[in-house]
C-alpha atoms as a PDB file:
ATOM      1  CA  MET A   1      34.057 114.740 -43.493  1.00  0.00           C
ATOM      2  CA  THR A   2      34.032 117.168 -45.580  1.00  0.00           C
ATOM      3  CA  ARG A   3      36.958 117.411 -48.375  1.00  0.00           C
ATOM      4  CA  ILE A   4      38.589 120.176 -50.935  1.00  0.00           C
ATOM      5  CA  GLY A   5      40.707 120.269 -53.260  1.00  0.00           C
ATOM      6  CA  ILE A   6      43.041 123.117 -53.799  1.00  0.00           C
ATOM      7  CA  ILE A   7      43.567 123.358 -57.286  1.00  0.00           C
ATOM      8  CA  LEU A   8      46.524 124.491 -59.116  1.00  0.00           C
ATOM      9  CA  GLY A   9      45.271 126.008 -62.105  1.00  0.00           C
ATOM     10  CA  SER A  10      48.642 126.601 -64.110  1.00  0.00           C
ATOM     11  CA  THR A  11      50.453 124.165 -66.046  1.00  0.00           C
ATOM     12  CA  ARG A  12      53.111 127.107 -67.659  1.00  0.00           C
ATOM     13  CA  PRO A  13      57.165 125.928 -66.944  1.00  0.00           C
ATOM     14  CA  GLY A  14      58.020 128.257 -64.304  1.00  0.00           C
ATOM     15  CA  ARG A  15      54.904 129.376 -62.728  1.00  0.00           C
ATOM     16  CA  ASN A  16      54.373 130.321 -59.830  1.00  0.00           C
ATOM     17  CA  GLY A  17      51.360 128.786 -58.699  1.00  0.00           C
ATOM     18  CA  GLU A  18      52.769 125.185 -57.274  1.00  0.00           C
ATOM     19  CA  ALA A  19      54.515 127.585 -54.836  1.00  0.00           C
ATOM     20  CA  VAL A  20      50.673 129.598 -53.645  1.00  0.00           C
ATOM     21  CA  GLY A  21      49.417 126.029 -54.375  1.00  0.00           C
ATOM     22  CA  HIS A  22      51.248 124.349 -51.501  1.00  0.00           C
ATOM     23  CA  TRP A  23      51.965 127.435 -48.621  1.00  0.00           C
ATOM     24  CA  VAL A  24      47.699 127.116 -49.513  1.00  0.00           C
ATOM     25  CA  LEU A  25      47.297 123.330 -48.505  1.00  0.00           C
ATOM     26  CA  GLU A  26      49.278 123.915 -45.575  1.00  0.00           C
ATOM     27  CA  VAL A  27      46.748 127.432 -44.061  1.00  0.00           C
ATOM     28  CA  ALA A  28      44.075 125.237 -44.011  1.00  0.00           C
ATOM     29  CA  LYS A  29      45.959 121.693 -43.241  1.00  0.00           C
ATOM     30  CA  GLN A  30      45.431 123.799 -39.899  1.00  0.00           C
ATOM     31  CA  ARG A  31      41.802 123.287 -39.617  1.00  0.00           C
ATOM     32  CA  SER A  32      40.669 120.698 -38.584  1.00  0.00           C
ATOM     33  CA  ASP A  33      37.246 120.497 -39.579  1.00  0.00           C
ATOM     34  CA  ALA A  34      38.571 119.505 -43.168  1.00  0.00           C
ATOM     35  CA  GLN A  35      40.679 117.368 -45.189  1.00  0.00           C
ATOM     36  CA  PHE A  36      42.925 119.169 -48.228  1.00  0.00           C
ATOM     37  CA  GLU A  37      44.230 117.949 -51.034  1.00  0.00           C
ATOM     38  CA  LEU A  38      46.460 119.880 -54.187  1.00  0.00           C
ATOM     39  CA  ILE A  39      45.095 118.369 -57.175  1.00  0.00           C
ATOM     40  CA  ASP A  40      48.154 119.203 -59.840  1.00  0.00           C
ATOM     41  CA  LEU A  41      46.602 120.189 -63.156  1.00  0.00           C
ATOM     42  CA  LEU A  42      49.286 118.748 -64.824  1.00  0.00           C
ATOM     43  CA  ASP A  43      48.748 115.464 -63.846  1.00  0.00           C
ATOM     44  CA  TYR A  44      45.655 115.005 -65.375  1.00  0.00           C
ATOM     45  CA  GLN A  45      47.014 115.869 -69.515  1.00  0.00           C
ATOM     46  CA  LEU A  46      43.949 117.353 -70.124  1.00  0.00           C
ATOM     47  CA  PRO A  47      43.968 118.493 -73.539  1.00  0.00           C
ATOM     48  CA  HIS A  48      41.679 120.865 -75.571  1.00  0.00           C
ATOM     49  CA  LEU A  49      38.004 118.960 -74.585  1.00  0.00           C
ATOM     50  CA  ASP A  50      38.085 116.190 -76.644  1.00  0.00           C
ATOM     51  CA  GLU A  51      35.180 114.956 -76.059  1.00  0.00           C
ATOM     52  CA  ALA A  52      31.813 113.407 -78.651  1.00  0.00           C
ATOM     53  CA  TYR A  53      29.053 115.147 -76.499  1.00  0.00           C
ATOM     54  CA  PRO A  54      28.297 117.959 -74.490  1.00  0.00           C
ATOM     55  CA  PRO A  55      29.695 118.226 -70.306  1.00  0.00           C
ATOM     56  CA  ALA A  56      25.707 118.656 -69.320  1.00  0.00           C
ATOM     57  CA  MET A  57      24.987 114.740 -70.901  1.00  0.00           C
ATOM     58  CA  GLY A  58      27.331 113.104 -67.987  1.00  0.00           C
ATOM     59  CA  LEU A  59      28.383 110.727 -71.255  1.00  0.00           C
ATOM     60  CA  TYR A  60      33.190 110.724 -71.307  1.00  0.00           C
ATOM     61  CA  THR A  61      34.058 108.325 -73.160  1.00  0.00           C
ATOM     62  CA  GLN A  62      38.143 109.325 -72.873  1.00  0.00           C
ATOM     63  CA  PRO A  63      39.976 107.786 -69.844  1.00  0.00           C
ATOM     64  CA  HIS A  64      41.417 111.916 -68.714  1.00  0.00           C
ATOM     65  CA  THR A  65      38.139 112.728 -68.663  1.00  0.00           C
ATOM     66  CA  LEU A  66      36.600 110.324 -66.355  1.00  0.00           C
ATOM     67  CA  ARG A  67      39.656 109.647 -64.896  1.00  0.00           C
ATOM     68  CA  TRP A  68      39.445 113.992 -63.973  1.00  0.00           C
ATOM     69  CA  ALA A  69      35.362 113.156 -63.062  1.00  0.00           C
ATOM     70  CA  ASN A  70      36.489 111.526 -60.830  1.00  0.00           C
ATOM     71  CA  THR A  71      38.787 113.098 -58.721  1.00  0.00           C
ATOM     72  CA  ILE A  72      36.893 116.106 -58.696  1.00  0.00           C
ATOM     73  CA  ALA A  73      33.273 114.709 -57.968  1.00  0.00           C
ATOM     74  CA  SER A  74      34.846 113.280 -54.572  1.00  0.00           C
ATOM     75  CA  PHE A  75      35.150 116.218 -53.294  1.00  0.00           C
ATOM     76  CA  ASP A  76      33.228 119.024 -51.760  1.00  0.00           C
ATOM     77  CA  GLY A  77      34.319 122.100 -52.682  1.00  0.00           C
ATOM     78  CA  PHE A  78      37.408 123.978 -54.119  1.00  0.00           C
ATOM     79  CA  VAL A  79      39.976 126.944 -53.531  1.00  0.00           C
ATOM     80  CA  MET A  80      41.490 127.348 -57.122  1.00  0.00           C
ATOM     81  CA  VAL A  81      45.035 128.866 -57.658  1.00  0.00           C
ATOM     82  CA  THR A  82      45.423 130.595 -61.063  1.00  0.00           C
ATOM     83  CA  PRO A  83      47.412 132.665 -62.567  1.00  0.00           C
ATOM     84  CA  GLU A  84      45.681 136.234 -63.537  1.00  0.00           C
ATOM     85  CA  TYR A  85      46.474 135.723 -68.266  1.00  0.00           C
ATOM     86  CA  ASN A  86      44.976 138.343 -70.187  1.00  0.00           C
ATOM     87  CA  HIS A  87      42.782 139.877 -66.961  1.00  0.00           C
ATOM     88  CA  SER A  88      41.224 136.467 -67.172  1.00  0.00           C
ATOM     89  CA  THR A  89      42.166 132.410 -65.712  1.00  0.00           C
ATOM     90  CA  SER A  90      44.642 130.669 -68.142  1.00  0.00           C
ATOM     91  CA  GLY A  91      43.572 128.222 -70.384  1.00  0.00           C
ATOM     92  CA  ALA A  92      44.334 125.292 -68.771  1.00  0.00           C
ATOM     93  CA  LEU A  93      42.171 126.033 -65.797  1.00  0.00           C
ATOM     94  CA  LYS A  94      39.328 126.780 -67.427  1.00  0.00           C
ATOM     95  CA  ASN A  95      39.655 124.058 -69.724  1.00  0.00           C
ATOM     96  CA  ALA A  96      39.677 121.965 -67.093  1.00  0.00           C
ATOM     97  CA  ILE A  97      36.783 123.606 -65.720  1.00  0.00           C
ATOM     98  CA  ASP A  98      35.075 123.179 -69.335  1.00  0.00           C
ATOM     99  CA  PHE A  99      35.187 119.054 -69.320  1.00  0.00           C
ATOM    100  CA  LEU A 100      32.745 118.631 -66.944  1.00  0.00           C
ATOM    101  CA  TYR A 101      29.535 119.662 -65.400  1.00  0.00           C
ATOM    102  CA  ALA A 102      27.151 117.673 -63.325  1.00  0.00           C
ATOM    103  CA  GLU A 103      31.099 117.166 -60.661  1.00  0.00           C
ATOM    104  CA  TRP A 104      30.971 120.913 -60.051  1.00  0.00           C
ATOM    105  CA  ASN A 105      27.764 121.073 -59.122  1.00  0.00           C
ATOM    106  CA  ASN A 106      26.613 121.843 -55.446  1.00  0.00           C
ATOM    107  CA  LYS A 107      30.074 122.643 -55.157  1.00  0.00           C
ATOM    108  CA  ALA A 108      31.145 125.955 -53.124  1.00  0.00           C
ATOM    109  CA  VAL A 109      34.111 127.256 -54.748  1.00  0.00           C
ATOM    110  CA  GLY A 110      37.528 129.674 -54.330  1.00  0.00           C
ATOM    111  CA  PHE A 111      40.213 131.555 -55.315  1.00  0.00           C
ATOM    112  CA  ALA A 112      43.963 132.822 -54.937  1.00  0.00           C
ATOM    113  CA  ARG A 113      45.249 134.865 -57.811  1.00  0.00           C
ATOM    114  CA  VAL A 114      48.950 134.838 -58.315  1.00  0.00           C
ATOM    115  CA  ALA A 115      51.363 136.911 -59.972  1.00  0.00           C
ATOM    116  CA  ASP A 116      52.376 135.012 -62.813  1.00  0.00           C
ATOM    117  CA  GLN A 117      56.165 135.781 -64.630  1.00  0.00           C
ATOM    118  CA  GLY A 118      55.674 136.965 -67.692  1.00  0.00           C
END
């Protein structure tokens, strides 16, 4: 069965995206043609990219990168729940995307933009 990850794209204290992510998950679960799971970036504690080699090489060495890569590789597509900071996505989501390369290939992505406070 198709697996879709719903990524909470903010790690900011007081983020509105957590409620939106849970709402997206509940709406998605009404479907019977795919499995949906919430992926919270807070659970991965990704620092700024700290791998010695470019992600396209796939030579991950850090435990947090390996864990993140295994998670992303296990899904067929994603819904990214992201705030809009300065007319862009959050730095945390951009960083999480940049950690990997092959794990994102050939997977559909949709975005849910969250009006964030602050």
